[in-house]
PDB file of N, CA and C in Angstrom:
ATOM      1  N   MET A   1      -3.060   4.285  -2.881  1.00  0.00           N
ATOM      2  CA  MET A   1      -3.106   3.540  -1.629  1.00  0.00           C
ATOM      3  C   MET A   1      -3.597   2.112  -1.884  1.00  0.00           C
ATOM      4  N   ARG A   2      -4.556   1.967  -2.792  1.00  0.00           N
ATOM      5  CA  ARG A   2      -5.104   0.650  -3.078  1.00  0.00           C
ATOM      6  C   ARG A   2      -4.009  -0.301  -3.590  1.00  0.00           C
ATOM      7  N   ASN A   3      -3.101   0.223  -4.429  1.00  0.00           N
ATOM      8  CA  ASN A   3      -2.016  -0.603  -4.958  1.00  0.00           C
ATOM      9  C   ASN A   3      -1.096  -1.103  -3.849  1.00  0.00           C
ATOM     10  N   ARG A   4      -0.832  -0.257  -2.862  1.00  0.00           N
ATOM     11  CA  ARG A   4       0.026  -0.666  -1.734  1.00  0.00           C
ATOM     12  C   ARG A   4      -0.651  -1.754  -0.907  1.00  0.00           C
ATOM     13  N   LEU A   5      -1.971  -1.642  -0.757  1.00  0.00           N
ATOM     14  CA  LEU A   5      -2.718  -2.662  -0.021  1.00  0.00           C
ATOM     15  C   LEU A   5      -2.686  -3.992  -0.758  1.00  0.00           C
ATOM     16  N   VAL A   6      -2.846  -3.953  -2.075  1.00  0.00           N
ATOM     17  CA  VAL A   6      -2.804  -5.184  -2.875  1.00  0.00           C
ATOM     18  C   VAL A   6      -1.421  -5.829  -2.789  1.00  0.00           C
ATOM     19  N   LYS A   7      -0.364  -5.032  -2.890  1.00  0.00           N
ATOM     20  CA  LYS A   7       0.996  -5.562  -2.769  1.00  0.00           C
ATOM     21  C   LYS A   7       1.221  -6.187  -1.401  1.00  0.00           C
ATOM     22  N   SER A   8       0.732  -5.531  -0.363  1.00  0.00           N
ATOM     23  CA  SER A   8       0.863  -6.057   0.994  1.00  0.00           C
ATOM     24  C   SER A   8       0.159  -7.396   1.124  1.00  0.00           C
ATOM     25  N   MET A   9      -1.012  -7.514   0.536  1.00  0.00           N
ATOM     26  CA  MET A   9      -1.765  -8.764   0.586  1.00  0.00           C
ATOM     27  C   MET A   9      -1.021  -9.857  -0.185  1.00  0.00           C
ATOM     28  N   ASP A  10      -0.527  -9.532  -1.384  1.00  0.00           N
ATOM     29  CA  ASP A  10       0.175 -10.517  -2.209  1.00  0.00           C
ATOM     30  C   ASP A  10       1.461 -11.001  -1.556  1.00  0.00           C
ATOM     31  N   ARG A  11       2.146 -10.098  -0.880  1.00  0.00           N
ATOM     32  CA  ARG A  11       3.437 -10.440  -0.253  1.00  0.00           C
ATOM     33  C   ARG A  11       3.300 -10.888   1.195  1.00  0.00           C
ATOM     34  N   ASN A  12       2.060 -10.857   1.710  1.00  0.00           N
ATOM     35  CA  ASN A  12       1.794 -11.276   3.086  1.00  0.00           C
ATOM     36  C   ASN A  12       2.622 -10.464   4.086  1.00  0.00           C
ATOM     37  N   THR A  13       2.633  -9.141   3.887  1.00  0.00           N
ATOM     38  CA  THR A  13       3.417  -8.221   4.706  1.00  0.00           C
ATOM     39  C   THR A  13       2.549  -7.600   5.797  1.00  0.00           C
ATOM     40  N   VAL A  14       3.085  -7.554   7.005  1.00  0.00           N
ATOM     41  CA  VAL A  14       2.402  -6.862   8.101  1.00  0.00           C
ATOM     42  C   VAL A  14       2.658  -5.369   7.938  1.00  0.00           C
ATOM     43  N   MET A  15       1.601  -4.564   8.132  1.00  0.00           N
ATOM     44  CA  MET A  15       1.701  -3.125   7.912  1.00  0.00           C
ATOM     45  C   MET A  15       1.278  -2.353   9.159  1.00  0.00           C
ATOM     46  N   ASP A  16       1.896  -1.188   9.370  1.00  0.00           N
ATOM     47  CA  ASP A  16       1.416  -0.214  10.346  1.00  0.00           C
ATOM     48  C   ASP A  16       0.599   0.804   9.576  1.00  0.00           C
ATOM     49  N   MET A  17      -0.583   1.121  10.099  1.00  0.00           N
ATOM     50  CA  MET A  17      -1.492   2.007   9.397  1.00  0.00           C
ATOM     51  C   MET A  17      -1.979   3.105  10.334  1.00  0.00           C
ATOM     52  N   MET A  18      -2.003   4.331   9.826  1.00  0.00           N
ATOM     53  CA  MET A  18      -2.668   5.440  10.503  1.00  0.00           C
ATOM     54  C   MET A  18      -4.020   5.561   9.816  1.00  0.00           C
ATOM     55  N   TYR A  19      -5.093   5.542  10.623  1.00  0.00           N
ATOM     56  CA  TYR A  19      -6.443   5.463  10.067  1.00  0.00           C
ATOM     57  C   TYR A  19      -7.346   6.513  10.697  1.00  0.00           C
ATOM     58  N   LEU A  20      -8.147   7.160   9.874  1.00  0.00           N
ATOM     59  CA  LEU A  20      -9.118   8.149  10.318  1.00  0.00           C
ATOM     60  C   LEU A  20     -10.494   7.502  10.311  1.00  0.00           C
ATOM     61  N   SER A  21     -11.097   7.355  11.500  1.00  0.00           N
ATOM     62  CA  SER A  21     -12.420   6.727  11.590  1.00  0.00           C
ATOM     63  C   SER A  21     -13.490   7.682  11.100  1.00  0.00           C
ATOM     64  N   ASN A  22     -14.681   7.163  10.885  1.00  0.00           N
ATOM     65  CA  ASN A  22     -15.794   8.001  10.431  1.00  0.00           C
ATOM     66  C   ASN A  22     -16.169   9.062  11.459  1.00  0.00           C
ATOM     67  N   SER A  23     -15.853   8.799  12.737  1.00  0.00           N
ATOM     68  CA  SER A  23     -16.153   9.780  13.782  1.00  0.00           C
ATOM     69  C   SER A  23     -15.052  10.841  13.925  1.00  0.00           C
ATOM     70  N   GLY A  24     -13.973  10.721  13.143  1.00  0.00           N
ATOM     71  CA  GLY A  24     -12.912  11.727  13.157  1.00  0.00           C
ATOM     72  C   GLY A  24     -11.724  11.401  14.033  1.00  0.00           C
ATOM     73  N   GLU A  25     -11.704  10.225  14.641  1.00  0.00           N
ATOM     74  CA  GLU A  25     -10.570   9.831  15.492  1.00  0.00           C
ATOM     75  C   GLU A  25      -9.477   9.187  14.651  1.00  0.00           C
ATOM     76  N   VAL A  26      -8.232   9.526  14.975  1.00  0.00           N
ATOM     77  CA  VAL A  26      -7.082   8.939  14.301  1.00  0.00           C
ATOM     78  C   VAL A  26      -6.523   7.837  15.188  1.00  0.00           C
ATOM     79  N   SER A  27      -6.258   6.666  14.586  1.00  0.00           N
ATOM     80  CA  SER A  27      -5.683   5.566  15.354  1.00  0.00           C
ATOM     81  C   SER A  27      -4.548   4.927  14.564  1.00  0.00           C
ATOM     82  N   LYS A  28      -3.619   4.340  15.303  1.00  0.00           N
ATOM     83  CA  LYS A  28      -2.518   3.598  14.694  1.00  0.00           C
ATOM     84  C   LYS A  28      -2.820   2.116  14.900  1.00  0.00           C
ATOM     85  N   ARG A  29      -2.787   1.362  13.811  1.00  0.00           N
ATOM     86  CA  ARG A  29      -3.110  -0.054  13.883  1.00  0.00           C
ATOM     87  C   ARG A  29      -2.083  -0.869  13.126  1.00  0.00           C
ATOM     88  N   ARG A  30      -1.805  -2.055  13.604  1.00  0.00           N
ATOM     89  CA  ARG A  30      -0.962  -3.017  12.895  1.00  0.00           C
ATOM     90  C   ARG A  30      -1.912  -4.007  12.238  1.00  0.00           C
ATOM     91  N   ILE A  31      -1.783  -4.195  10.923  1.00  0.00           N
ATOM     92  CA  ILE A  31      -2.748  -5.005  10.190  1.00  0.00           C
ATOM     93  C   ILE A  31      -2.082  -6.024   9.276  1.00  0.00           C
ATOM     94  N   ASP A  32      -2.830  -7.080   8.971  1.00  0.00           N
ATOM     95  CA  ASP A  32      -2.518  -8.043   7.920  1.00  0.00           C
ATOM     96  C   ASP A  32      -3.658  -7.926   6.913  1.00  0.00           C
ATOM     97  N   VAL A  33      -3.373  -7.496   5.703  1.00  0.00           N
ATOM     98  CA  VAL A  33      -4.405  -7.301   4.692  1.00  0.00           C
ATOM     99  C   VAL A  33      -4.873  -8.661   4.178  1.00  0.00           C
ATOM    100  N   LEU A  34      -6.191  -8.888   4.205  1.00  0.00           N
ATOM    101  CA  LEU A  34      -6.768 -10.158   3.792  1.00  0.00           C
ATOM    102  C   LEU A  34      -7.406 -10.098   2.409  1.00  0.00           C
ATOM    103  N   ARG A  35      -8.112  -8.994   2.124  1.00  0.00           N
ATOM    104  CA  ARG A  35      -8.812  -8.852   0.845  1.00  0.00           C
ATOM    105  C   ARG A  35      -8.998  -7.375   0.559  1.00  0.00           C
ATOM    106  N   VAL A  36      -8.861  -6.990  -0.717  1.00  0.00           N
ATOM    107  CA  VAL A  36      -8.986  -5.590  -1.111  1.00  0.00           C
ATOM    108  C   VAL A  36     -10.104  -5.466  -2.134  1.00  0.00           C
ATOM    109  N   GLY A  37     -11.053  -4.574  -1.853  1.00  0.00           N
ATOM    110  CA  GLY A  37     -12.135  -4.266  -2.781  1.00  0.00           C
ATOM    111  C   GLY A  37     -11.889  -2.933  -3.455  1.00  0.00           C
ATOM    112  N   GLU A  38     -12.908  -2.406  -4.107  1.00  0.00           N
ATOM    113  CA  GLU A  38     -12.777  -1.116  -4.797  1.00  0.00           C
ATOM    114  C   GLU A  38     -12.762   0.055  -3.815  1.00  0.00           C
ATOM    115  N   VAL A  39     -13.583  -0.004  -2.775  1.00  0.00           N
ATOM    116  CA  VAL A  39     -13.742   1.112  -1.843  1.00  0.00           C
ATOM    117  C   VAL A  39     -13.202   0.782  -0.459  1.00  0.00           C
ATOM    118  N   SER A  40     -13.224  -0.482  -0.097  1.00  0.00           N
ATOM    119  CA  SER A  40     -12.807  -0.890   1.249  1.00  0.00           C
ATOM    120  C   SER A  40     -11.902  -2.110   1.180  1.00  0.00           C
ATOM    121  N   PHE A  41     -11.318  -2.433   2.330  1.00  0.00           N
ATOM    122  CA  PHE A  41     -10.496  -3.639   2.414  1.00  0.00           C
ATOM    123  C   PHE A  41     -10.717  -4.299   3.763  1.00  0.00           C
ATOM    124  N   TRP A  42     -10.430  -5.579   3.809  1.00  0.00           N
ATOM    125  CA  TRP A  42     -10.587  -6.371   5.009  1.00  0.00           C
ATOM    126  C   TRP A  42      -9.205  -6.755   5.503  1.00  0.00           C
ATOM    127  N   ALA A  43      -9.015  -6.635   6.804  1.00  0.00           N
ATOM    128  CA  ALA A  43      -7.703  -6.920   7.384  1.00  0.00           C
ATOM    129  C   ALA A  43      -7.868  -7.450   8.795  1.00  0.00           C
ATOM    130  N   TYR A  44      -6.860  -8.216   9.222  1.00  0.00           N
ATOM    131  CA  TYR A  44      -6.806  -8.605  10.624  1.00  0.00           C
ATOM    132  C   TYR A  44      -6.145  -7.458  11.364  1.00  0.00           C
ATOM    133  N   CYS A  45      -6.832  -6.910  12.354  1.00  0.00           N
ATOM    134  CA  CYS A  45      -6.327  -5.794  13.149  1.00  0.00           C
ATOM    135  C   CYS A  45      -5.731  -6.354  14.440  1.00  0.00           C
ATOM    136  N   HIS A  46      -4.439  -6.140  14.645  1.00  0.00           N
ATOM    137  CA  HIS A  46      -3.769  -6.632  15.849  1.00  0.00           C
ATOM    138  C   HIS A  46      -4.221  -5.863  17.089  1.00  0.00           C
ATOM    139  N   LEU A  47      -4.629  -4.601  16.926  1.00  0.00           N
ATOM    140  CA  LEU A  47      -5.109  -3.793  18.053  1.00  0.00           C
ATOM    141  C   LEU A  47      -6.407  -4.365  18.621  1.00  0.00           C
ATOM    142  N   ARG A  48      -7.348  -4.681  17.755  1.00  0.00           N
ATOM    143  CA  ARG A  48      -8.653  -5.208  18.175  1.00  0.00           C
ATOM    144  C   ARG A  48      -8.698  -6.733  18.216  1.00  0.00           C
ATOM    145  N   ARG A  49      -7.642  -7.362  17.693  1.00  0.00           N
ATOM    146  CA  ARG A  49      -7.544  -8.834  17.642  1.00  0.00           C
ATOM    147  C   ARG A  49      -8.745  -9.466  16.945  1.00  0.00           C
ATOM    148  N   SER A  50      -9.112  -8.865  15.807  1.00  0.00           N
ATOM    149  CA  SER A  50     -10.226  -9.394  15.016  1.00  0.00           C
ATOM    150  C   SER A  50     -10.114  -8.901  13.583  1.00  0.00           C
ATOM    151  N   LYS A  51     -10.892  -9.516  12.706  1.00  0.00           N
ATOM    152  CA  LYS A  51     -10.962  -9.084  11.316  1.00  0.00           C
ATOM    153  C   LYS A  51     -11.860  -7.859  11.247  1.00  0.00           C
ATOM    154  N   ARG A  52     -11.399  -6.837  10.518  1.00  0.00           N
ATOM    155  CA  ARG A  52     -12.127  -5.580  10.438  1.00  0.00           C
ATOM    156  C   ARG A  52     -12.214  -5.120   8.987  1.00  0.00           C
ATOM    157  N   THR A  53     -13.191  -4.267   8.720  1.00  0.00           N
ATOM    158  CA  THR A  53     -13.348  -3.652   7.403  1.00  0.00           C
ATOM    159  C   THR A  53     -12.946  -2.187   7.514  1.00  0.00           C
ATOM    160  N   PHE A  54     -12.106  -1.730   6.588  1.00  0.00           N
ATOM    161  CA  PHE A  54     -11.623  -0.356   6.585  1.00  0.00           C
ATOM    162  C   PHE A  54     -11.931   0.285   5.233  1.00  0.00           C
ATOM    163  N   THR A  55     -12.160   1.583   5.238  1.00  0.00           N
ATOM    164  CA  THR A  55     -12.363   2.340   4.008  1.00  0.00           C
ATOM    165  C   THR A  55     -11.007   2.815   3.499  1.00  0.00           C
ATOM    166  N   ILE A  56     -10.727   2.553   2.233  1.00  0.00           N
ATOM    167  CA  ILE A  56      -9.416   2.886   1.670  1.00  0.00           C
ATOM    168  C   ILE A  56      -9.148   4.385   1.748  1.00  0.00           C
ATOM    169  N   ASP A  57     -10.159   5.211   1.500  1.00  0.00           N
ATOM    170  CA  ASP A  57      -9.970   6.667   1.531  1.00  0.00           C
ATOM    171  C   ASP A  57      -9.647   7.203   2.920  1.00  0.00           C
ATOM    172  N   ASN A  58      -9.913   6.435   3.973  1.00  0.00           N
ATOM    173  CA  ASN A  58      -9.640   6.876   5.342  1.00  0.00           C
ATOM    174  C   ASN A  58      -8.236   6.505   5.829  1.00  0.00           C
ATOM    175  N   VAL A  59      -7.464   5.811   5.008  1.00  0.00           N
ATOM    176  CA  VAL A  59      -6.092   5.449   5.371  1.00  0.00           C
ATOM    177  C   VAL A  59      -5.219   6.681   5.179  1.00  0.00           C
ATOM    178  N   LEU A  60      -4.576   7.124   6.254  1.00  0.00           N
ATOM    179  CA  LEU A  60      -3.704   8.303   6.204  1.00  0.00           C
ATOM    180  C   LEU A  60      -2.272   7.941   5.847  1.00  0.00           C
ATOM    181  N   ALA A  61      -1.792   6.800   6.365  1.00  0.00           N
ATOM    182  CA  ALA A  61      -0.424   6.347   6.094  1.00  0.00           C
ATOM    183  C   ALA A  61      -0.378   4.835   6.214  1.00  0.00           C
ATOM    184  N   LEU A  62       0.508   4.234   5.433  1.00  0.00           N
ATOM    185  CA  LEU A  62       0.660   2.787   5.421  1.00  0.00           C
ATOM    186  C   LEU A  62       2.139   2.472   5.274  1.00  0.00           C
ATOM    187  N   VAL A  63       2.717   1.792   6.277  1.00  0.00           N
ATOM    188  CA  VAL A  63       4.152   1.519   6.299  1.00  0.00           C
ATOM    189  C   VAL A  63       4.369   0.036   6.582  1.00  0.00           C
ATOM    190  N   PRO A  64       5.192  -0.634   5.771  1.00  0.00           N
ATOM    191  CA  PRO A  64       5.463  -2.057   6.034  1.00  0.00           C
ATOM    192  C   PRO A  64       6.338  -2.238   7.275  1.00  0.00           C
ATOM    193  N   ILE A  65       6.091  -3.324   7.981  1.00  0.00           N
ATOM    194  CA  ILE A  65       6.922  -3.694   9.127  1.00  0.00           C
ATOM    195  C   ILE A  65       8.032  -4.595   8.622  1.00  0.00           C
ATOM    196  N   ILE A  66       9.251  -4.185   8.843  1.00  0.00           N
ATOM    197  CA  ILE A  66      10.395  -4.975   8.390  1.00  0.00           C
ATOM    198  C   ILE A  66      10.994  -5.651   9.606  1.00  0.00           C
ATOM    199  N   ALA A  67      10.867  -6.956   9.636  1.00  0.00           N
ATOM    200  CA  ALA A  67      11.394  -7.733  10.761  1.00  0.00           C
ATOM    201  C   ALA A  67      12.845  -8.119  10.466  1.00  0.00           C
ATOM    202  N   THR A  68      13.686  -7.916  11.428  1.00  0.00           N
ATOM    203  CA  THR A  68      15.069  -8.350  11.283  1.00  0.00           C
ATOM    204  C   THR A  68      15.341  -9.451  12.272  1.00  0.00           C
ATOM    205  N   GLU A  69      16.154 -10.366  11.856  1.00  0.00           N
ATOM    206  CA  GLU A  69      16.496 -11.475  12.741  1.00  0.00           C
ATOM    207  C   GLU A  69      17.600 -11.043  13.693  1.00  0.00           C
ATOM    208  N   SER A  70      17.452 -11.441  14.921  1.00  0.00           N
ATOM    209  CA  SER A  70      18.535 -11.172  15.875  1.00  0.00           C
ATOM    210  C   SER A  70      19.404 -12.413  15.939  1.00  0.00           C
ATOM    211  N   ARG A  71      20.676 -12.179  15.957  1.00  0.00           N
ATOM    212  CA  ARG A  71      21.613 -13.302  15.943  1.00  0.00           C
ATOM    213  C   ARG A  71      22.106 -13.585  17.358  1.00  0.00           C
ATOM    214  N   VAL A  72      22.177 -14.853  17.640  1.00  0.00           N
ATOM    215  CA  VAL A  72      22.711 -15.291  18.924  1.00  0.00           C
ATOM    216  C   VAL A  72      24.015 -16.019  18.636  1.00  0.00           C
ATOM    217  N   ILE A  73      25.067 -15.555  19.287  1.00  0.00           N
ATOM    218  CA  ILE A  73      26.382 -16.173  19.044  1.00  0.00           C
ATOM    219  C   ILE A  73      26.783 -16.971  20.248  1.00  0.00           C
TER     220      ILE A  73
END
């Protein structure tokens, strides 16, 4: 999981993340990864509209958001 976070940070990719909080709640968040440490990472959370710290082991799923351009003719 840490490698995917590092790649996301290097490529500046927006990700959808399923996250398990310390209290046991599962949440879906859209994030921009800012910095990755050994145990945790820092990201801008679009849900909370702020920079947050997350534990890498609590990430359940991580999926890149692929934006497609819409064409106007």
